[in-house]
PDB file of N, CA and C in Angstrom:
ATOM      1  N   UNK A   1      14.427   4.391 -17.004  1.00  0.00           N
ATOM      2  CA  UNK A   1      14.070   4.761 -15.662  1.00  0.00           C
ATOM      3  C   UNK A   1      12.556   4.772 -15.561  1.00  0.00           C
ATOM      4  N   UNK A   2      12.046   4.341 -14.411  1.00  0.00           N
ATOM      5  CA  UNK A   2      10.610   4.328 -14.196  1.00  0.00           C
ATOM      6  C   UNK A   2      10.313   5.067 -12.898  1.00  0.00           C
ATOM      7  N   UNK A   3       9.356   5.971 -12.954  1.00  0.00           N
ATOM      8  CA  UNK A   3       8.919   6.736 -11.786  1.00  0.00           C
ATOM      9  C   UNK A   3       7.424   6.517 -11.625  1.00  0.00           C
ATOM     10  N   UNK A   4       7.009   6.223 -10.398  1.00  0.00           N
ATOM     11  CA  UNK A   4       5.589   6.023 -10.121  1.00  0.00           C
ATOM     12  C   UNK A   4       5.066   7.204  -9.324  1.00  0.00           C
ATOM     13  N   UNK A   5       3.989   7.801  -9.821  1.00  0.00           N
ATOM     14  CA  UNK A   5       3.332   8.913  -9.137  1.00  0.00           C
ATOM     15  C   UNK A   5       1.864   8.541  -8.993  1.00  0.00           C
ATOM     16  N   UNK A   6       1.403   8.495  -7.766  1.00  0.00           N
ATOM     17  CA  UNK A   6       0.006   8.153  -7.522  1.00  0.00           C
ATOM     18  C   UNK A   6      -0.803   9.426  -7.335  1.00  0.00           C
ATOM     19  N   UNK A   7      -1.889   9.538  -8.085  1.00  0.00           N
ATOM     20  CA  UNK A   7      -2.779  10.693  -7.959  1.00  0.00           C
ATOM     21  C   UNK A   7      -4.201  10.190  -7.798  1.00  0.00           C
ATOM     22  N   UNK A   8      -5.022  10.999  -7.168  1.00  0.00           N
ATOM     23  CA  UNK A   8      -6.388  10.586  -6.851  1.00  0.00           C
ATOM     24  C   UNK A   8      -7.474  11.316  -7.631  1.00  0.00           C
ATOM     25  N   UNK A   9      -7.179  12.514  -8.069  1.00  0.00           N
ATOM     26  CA  UNK A   9      -8.235  13.305  -8.694  1.00  0.00           C
ATOM     27  C   UNK A   9      -7.823  13.765 -10.090  1.00  0.00           C
ATOM     28  N   UNK A  10      -8.821  14.175 -10.844  1.00  0.00           N
ATOM     29  CA  UNK A  10      -8.573  14.676 -12.198  1.00  0.00           C
ATOM     30  C   UNK A  10      -7.784  15.979 -12.152  1.00  0.00           C
ATOM     31  N   UNK A  11      -8.034  16.799 -11.140  1.00  0.00           N
ATOM     32  CA  UNK A  11      -7.302  18.068 -11.046  1.00  0.00           C
ATOM     33  C   UNK A  11      -5.816  17.827 -10.785  1.00  0.00           C
ATOM     34  N   UNK A  12      -5.492  16.780 -10.017  1.00  0.00           N
ATOM     35  CA  UNK A  12      -4.090  16.443  -9.806  1.00  0.00           C
ATOM     36  C   UNK A  12      -3.446  15.997 -11.116  1.00  0.00           C
ATOM     37  N   UNK A  13      -4.190  15.262 -11.934  1.00  0.00           N
ATOM     38  CA  UNK A  13      -3.683  14.825 -13.228  1.00  0.00           C
ATOM     39  C   UNK A  13      -3.414  16.024 -14.121  1.00  0.00           C
ATOM     40  N   UNK A  14      -4.306  16.998 -14.101  1.00  0.00           N
ATOM     41  CA  UNK A  14      -4.118  18.200 -14.912  1.00  0.00           C
ATOM     42  C   UNK A  14      -2.884  18.979 -14.459  1.00  0.00           C
ATOM     43  N   UNK A  15      -2.673  19.080 -13.157  1.00  0.00           N
ATOM     44  CA  UNK A  15      -1.488  19.775 -12.636  1.00  0.00           C
ATOM     45  C   UNK A  15      -0.212  19.041 -13.030  1.00  0.00           C
ATOM     46  N   UNK A  16      -0.250  17.719 -12.953  1.00  0.00           N
ATOM     47  CA  UNK A  16       0.908  16.927 -13.325  1.00  0.00           C
ATOM     48  C   UNK A  16       1.216  17.058 -14.812  1.00  0.00           C
ATOM     49  N   UNK A  17       0.183  17.081 -15.634  1.00  0.00           N
ATOM     50  CA  UNK A  17       0.360  17.262 -17.080  1.00  0.00           C
ATOM     51  C   UNK A  17       0.981  18.627 -17.376  1.00  0.00           C
ATOM     52  N   UNK A  18       0.519  19.653 -16.681  1.00  0.00           N
ATOM     53  CA  UNK A  18       1.095  20.989 -16.867  1.00  0.00           C
ATOM     54  C   UNK A  18       2.560  21.009 -16.443  1.00  0.00           C
ATOM     55  N   UNK A  19       2.880  20.297 -15.401  1.00  0.00           N
ATOM     56  CA  UNK A  19       4.263  20.199 -14.942  1.00  0.00           C
ATOM     57  C   UNK A  19       5.140  19.560 -16.017  1.00  0.00           C
ATOM     58  N   UNK A  20       4.654  18.469 -16.596  1.00  0.00           N
ATOM     59  CA  UNK A  20       5.417  17.800 -17.658  1.00  0.00           C
ATOM     60  C   UNK A  20       5.619  18.722 -18.858  1.00  0.00           C
ATOM     61  N   UNK A  21       4.590  19.477 -19.208  1.00  0.00           N
ATOM     62  CA  UNK A  21       4.700  20.396 -20.345  1.00  0.00           C
ATOM     63  C   UNK A  21       5.714  21.490 -20.066  1.00  0.00           C
ATOM     64  N   UNK A  22       5.777  21.962 -18.812  1.00  0.00           N
ATOM     65  CA  UNK A  22       6.725  23.000 -18.430  1.00  0.00           C
ATOM     66  C   UNK A  22       8.157  22.560 -18.689  1.00  0.00           C
ATOM     67  N   UNK A  23       8.447  21.306 -18.381  1.00  0.00           N
ATOM     68  CA  UNK A  23       9.799  20.790 -18.552  1.00  0.00           C
ATOM     69  C   UNK A  23       9.979  20.045 -19.875  1.00  0.00           C
ATOM     70  N   UNK A  24       8.999  20.175 -20.753  1.00  0.00           N
ATOM     71  CA  UNK A  24       9.052  19.572 -22.091  1.00  0.00           C
ATOM     72  C   UNK A  24       9.323  18.070 -22.035  1.00  0.00           C
ATOM     73  N   UNK A  25       8.650  17.406 -21.095  1.00  0.00           N
ATOM     74  CA  UNK A  25       8.727  15.949 -20.993  1.00  0.00           C
ATOM     75  C   UNK A  25       7.653  15.401 -21.925  1.00  0.00           C
ATOM     76  N   UNK A  26       8.089  14.691 -22.957  1.00  0.00           N
ATOM     77  CA  UNK A  26       7.153  14.263 -23.989  1.00  0.00           C
ATOM     78  C   UNK A  26       6.683  12.815 -23.832  1.00  0.00           C
ATOM     79  N   UNK A  27       7.531  11.959 -23.304  1.00  0.00           N
ATOM     80  CA  UNK A  27       7.168  10.548 -23.222  1.00  0.00           C
ATOM     81  C   UNK A  27       6.665  10.225 -21.810  1.00  0.00           C
ATOM     82  N   UNK A  28       5.349  10.051 -21.701  1.00  0.00           N
ATOM     83  CA  UNK A  28       4.713   9.734 -20.421  1.00  0.00           C
ATOM     84  C   UNK A  28       3.730   8.598 -20.664  1.00  0.00           C
ATOM     85  N   UNK A  29       3.768   7.605 -19.807  1.00  0.00           N
ATOM     86  CA  UNK A  29       2.846   6.473 -19.923  1.00  0.00           C
ATOM     87  C   UNK A  29       1.949   6.465 -18.693  1.00  0.00           C
ATOM     88  N   UNK A  30       0.646   6.528 -18.910  1.00  0.00           N
ATOM     89  CA  UNK A  30      -0.311   6.510 -17.814  1.00  0.00           C
ATOM     90  C   UNK A  30      -0.847   5.094 -17.642  1.00  0.00           C
ATOM     91  N   UNK A  31      -0.867   4.632 -16.406  1.00  0.00           N
ATOM     92  CA  UNK A  31      -1.374   3.305 -16.093  1.00  0.00           C
ATOM     93  C   UNK A  31      -2.405   3.462 -14.990  1.00  0.00           C
ATOM     94  N   UNK A  32      -3.562   2.885 -15.188  1.00  0.00           N
ATOM     95  CA  UNK A  32      -4.621   2.941 -14.186  1.00  0.00           C
ATOM     96  C   UNK A  32      -4.740   1.574 -13.529  1.00  0.00           C
ATOM     97  N   UNK A  33      -4.881   1.572 -12.215  1.00  0.00           N
ATOM     98  CA  UNK A  33      -5.031   0.297 -11.515  1.00  0.00           C
ATOM     99  C   UNK A  33      -6.442   0.112 -10.950  1.00  0.00           C
ATOM    100  N   UNK A  34      -7.395   0.814 -11.524  1.00  0.00           N
ATOM    101  CA  UNK A  34      -8.774   0.691 -11.037  1.00  0.00           C
ATOM    102  C   UNK A  34      -9.313  -0.722 -11.221  1.00  0.00           C
ATOM    103  N   UNK A  35      -8.794  -1.441 -12.202  1.00  0.00           N
ATOM    104  CA  UNK A  35      -9.242  -2.805 -12.444  1.00  0.00           C
ATOM    105  C   UNK A  35      -8.216  -3.811 -11.940  1.00  0.00           C
ATOM    106  N   UNK A  36      -7.557  -3.474 -10.851  1.00  0.00           N
ATOM    107  CA  UNK A  36      -6.535  -4.362 -10.301  1.00  0.00           C
ATOM    108  C   UNK A  36      -7.166  -5.677  -9.865  1.00  0.00           C
ATOM    109  N   UNK A  37      -6.453  -6.748 -10.128  1.00  0.00           N
ATOM    110  CA  UNK A  37      -6.964  -8.073  -9.785  1.00  0.00           C
ATOM    111  C   UNK A  37      -6.963  -8.274  -8.269  1.00  0.00           C
ATOM    112  N   UNK A  38      -8.015  -8.838  -7.772  1.00  0.00           N
ATOM    113  CA  UNK A  38      -8.121  -9.149  -6.355  1.00  0.00           C
ATOM    114  C   UNK A  38      -7.920 -10.649  -6.204  1.00  0.00           C
ATOM    115  N   UNK A  39      -6.929 -11.015  -5.401  1.00  0.00           N
ATOM    116  CA  UNK A  39      -6.639 -12.422  -5.193  1.00  0.00           C
ATOM    117  C   UNK A  39      -7.406 -12.904  -3.972  1.00  0.00           C
ATOM    118  N   UNK A  40      -8.208 -13.915  -4.161  1.00  0.00           N
ATOM    119  CA  UNK A  40      -8.974 -14.454  -3.045  1.00  0.00           C
ATOM    120  C   UNK A  40      -8.103 -15.397  -2.236  1.00  0.00           C
ATOM    121  N   UNK A  41      -8.367 -15.448  -0.944  1.00  0.00           N
ATOM    122  CA  UNK A  41      -7.587 -16.289  -0.049  1.00  0.00           C
ATOM    123  C   UNK A  41      -7.894 -17.767  -0.219  1.00  0.00           C
ATOM    124  N   UNK A  42      -7.018 -18.588   0.307  1.00  0.00           N
ATOM    125  CA  UNK A  42      -7.171 -20.033   0.255  1.00  0.00           C
ATOM    126  C   UNK A  42      -8.082 -20.460   1.403  1.00  0.00           C
ATOM    127  N   UNK A  43      -9.302 -20.817   1.092  1.00  0.00           N
ATOM    128  CA  UNK A  43     -10.292 -21.167   2.106  1.00  0.00           C
ATOM    129  C   UNK A  43     -10.044 -22.543   2.717  1.00  0.00           C
ATOM    130  N   UNK A  44      -9.113 -23.315   2.156  1.00  0.00           N
ATOM    131  CA  UNK A  44      -8.863 -24.651   2.689  1.00  0.00           C
ATOM    132  C   UNK A  44      -7.938 -24.629   3.904  1.00  0.00           C
ATOM    133  N   UNK A  45      -7.310 -23.485   4.186  1.00  0.00           N
ATOM    134  CA  UNK A  45      -6.407 -23.386   5.334  1.00  0.00           C
ATOM    135  C   UNK A  45      -7.229 -23.241   6.610  1.00  0.00           C
ATOM    136  N   UNK A  46      -6.897 -24.054   7.612  1.00  0.00           N
ATOM    137  CA  UNK A  46      -7.606 -24.016   8.893  1.00  0.00           C
ATOM    138  C   UNK A  46      -6.875 -23.072   9.849  1.00  0.00           C
ATOM    139  N   UNK A  47      -7.468 -21.916  10.191  1.00  0.00           N
ATOM    140  CA  UNK A  47      -6.787 -20.949  11.038  1.00  0.00           C
ATOM    141  C   UNK A  47      -6.849 -21.292  12.530  1.00  0.00           C
ATOM    142  N   UNK A  48      -7.516 -22.371  12.913  1.00  0.00           N
ATOM    143  CA  UNK A  48      -7.690 -22.667  14.332  1.00  0.00           C
ATOM    144  C   UNK A  48      -6.364 -22.893  15.054  1.00  0.00           C
ATOM    145  N   UNK A  49      -5.314 -23.278  14.321  1.00  0.00           N
ATOM    146  CA  UNK A  49      -4.012 -23.485  14.971  1.00  0.00           C
ATOM    147  C   UNK A  49      -3.408 -22.164  15.442  1.00  0.00           C
ATOM    148  N   UNK A  50      -3.882 -21.051  14.909  1.00  0.00           N
ATOM    149  CA  UNK A  50      -3.375 -19.742  15.319  1.00  0.00           C
ATOM    150  C   UNK A  50      -4.018 -19.229  16.601  1.00  0.00           C
ATOM    151  N   UNK A  51      -5.166 -19.755  16.943  1.00  0.00           N
ATOM    152  CA  UNK A  51      -5.860 -19.283  18.132  1.00  0.00           C
ATOM    153  C   UNK A  51      -5.059 -19.649  19.382  1.00  0.00           C
ATOM    154  N   UNK A  52      -4.839 -18.669  20.211  1.00  0.00           N
ATOM    155  CA  UNK A  52      -4.135 -18.899  21.465  1.00  0.00           C
ATOM    156  C   UNK A  52      -2.621 -18.906  21.339  1.00  0.00           C
ATOM    157  N   UNK A  53      -2.069 -18.343  20.271  1.00  0.00           N
ATOM    158  CA  UNK A  53      -0.611 -18.388  20.111  1.00  0.00           C
ATOM    159  C   UNK A  53       0.102 -17.586  21.197  1.00  0.00           C
ATOM    160  N   UNK A  54      -0.586 -16.631  21.817  1.00  0.00           N
ATOM    161  CA  UNK A  54      -0.003 -15.864  22.905  1.00  0.00           C
ATOM    162  C   UNK A  54      -0.632 -16.231  24.247  1.00  0.00           C
ATOM    163  N   UNK A  55      -1.211 -17.395  24.359  1.00  0.00           N
ATOM    164  CA  UNK A  55      -1.881 -17.786  25.600  1.00  0.00           C
ATOM    165  C   UNK A  55      -0.918 -17.793  26.777  1.00  0.00           C
ATOM    166  N   UNK A  56       0.316 -18.219  26.548  1.00  0.00           N
ATOM    167  CA  UNK A  56       1.300 -18.270  27.633  1.00  0.00           C
ATOM    168  C   UNK A  56       2.044 -16.952  27.812  1.00  0.00           C
ATOM    169  N   UNK A  57       1.949 -16.073  26.826  1.00  0.00           N
ATOM    170  CA  UNK A  57       2.580 -14.759  26.888  1.00  0.00           C
ATOM    171  C   UNK A  57       1.584 -13.699  26.449  1.00  0.00           C
ATOM    172  N   UNK A  58       0.656 -13.325  27.322  1.00  0.00           N
ATOM    173  CA  UNK A  58      -0.350 -12.329  26.920  1.00  0.00           C
ATOM    174  C   UNK A  58       0.315 -11.012  26.509  1.00  0.00           C
ATOM    175  N   UNK A  59      -0.214 -10.415  25.477  1.00  0.00           N
ATOM    176  CA  UNK A  59       0.309  -9.146  24.963  1.00  0.00           C
ATOM    177  C   UNK A  59      -0.752  -8.070  25.110  1.00  0.00           C
ATOM    178  N   UNK A  60      -0.297  -6.873  25.425  1.00  0.00           N
ATOM    179  CA  UNK A  60      -1.176  -5.712  25.452  1.00  0.00           C
ATOM    180  C   UNK A  60      -0.897  -4.900  24.197  1.00  0.00           C
ATOM    181  N   UNK A  61      -1.894  -4.235  23.706  1.00  0.00           N
ATOM    182  CA  UNK A  61      -1.746  -3.448  22.495  1.00  0.00           C
ATOM    183  C   UNK A  61      -0.645  -2.399  22.642  1.00  0.00           C
ATOM    184  N   UNK A  62      -0.545  -1.780  23.800  1.00  0.00           N
ATOM    185  CA  UNK A  62       0.502  -0.773  24.024  1.00  0.00           C
ATOM    186  C   UNK A  62       1.898  -1.388  23.926  1.00  0.00           C
ATOM    187  N   UNK A  63       2.065  -2.617  24.427  1.00  0.00           N
ATOM    188  CA  UNK A  63       3.366  -3.283  24.355  1.00  0.00           C
ATOM    189  C   UNK A  63       3.745  -3.577  22.904  1.00  0.00           C
ATOM    190  N   UNK A  64       2.769  -4.009  22.117  1.00  0.00           N
ATOM    191  CA  UNK A  64       3.022  -4.293  20.704  1.00  0.00           C
ATOM    192  C   UNK A  64       3.420  -3.019  19.979  1.00  0.00           C
ATOM    193  N   UNK A  65       2.726  -1.927  20.259  1.00  0.00           N
ATOM    194  CA  UNK A  65       3.047  -0.649  19.616  1.00  0.00           C
ATOM    195  C   UNK A  65       4.444  -0.171  19.992  1.00  0.00           C
ATOM    196  N   UNK A  66       4.791  -0.288  21.271  1.00  0.00           N
ATOM    197  CA  UNK A  66       6.121   0.157  21.711  1.00  0.00           C
ATOM    198  C   UNK A  66       7.218  -0.636  21.012  1.00  0.00           C
ATOM    199  N   UNK A  67       7.023  -1.939  20.894  1.00  0.00           N
ATOM    200  CA  UNK A  67       8.041  -2.788  20.251  1.00  0.00           C
ATOM    201  C   UNK A  67       8.114  -2.520  18.748  1.00  0.00           C
ATOM    202  N   UNK A  68       6.983  -2.288  18.115  1.00  0.00           N
ATOM    203  CA  UNK A  68       6.945  -2.125  16.665  1.00  0.00           C
ATOM    204  C   UNK A  68       7.391  -0.741  16.214  1.00  0.00           C
ATOM    205  N   UNK A  69       7.199   0.263  17.019  1.00  0.00           N
ATOM    206  CA  UNK A  69       7.451   1.628  16.598  1.00  0.00           C
ATOM    207  C   UNK A  69       8.774   2.191  17.108  1.00  0.00           C
ATOM    208  N   UNK A  70       9.680   1.342  17.506  1.00  0.00           N
ATOM    209  CA  UNK A  70      10.988   1.827  17.960  1.00  0.00           C
ATOM    210  C   UNK A  70      11.769   2.324  16.746  1.00  0.00           C
ATOM    211  N   UNK A  71      12.216   3.541  16.812  1.00  0.00           N
ATOM    212  CA  UNK A  71      12.995   4.124  15.720  1.00  0.00           C
ATOM    213  C   UNK A  71      14.301   4.665  16.298  1.00  0.00           C
ATOM    214  N   UNK A  72      15.369   4.137  15.790  1.00  0.00           N
ATOM    215  CA  UNK A  72      16.675   4.576  16.309  1.00  0.00           C
ATOM    216  C   UNK A  72      17.525   5.080  15.182  1.00  0.00           C
TER     217      UNK A  72
END
C-alpha cells in the first residue's frame, strides 16, 4: 500500500514523525520533489489556429464558470 502525504514545513514533518512513532509505524519512505523535472513545451507548434475559436460563439467568464462549476 502506498500513501502520499504532502507537507510544506519542517514542523509538519516533525508532527508527522511523532504521529508515526505513536502508532509504532517503522517503515516510512520520504520522497522529496524539490528537484522535480520541468518539461519544456514544444515550441514548433503554431498556436495561431486557436485564435478566434469562439469568434462565432462569444463566451463570458461568468457563463464558463456556471457551466464548469455545476455540481449535482
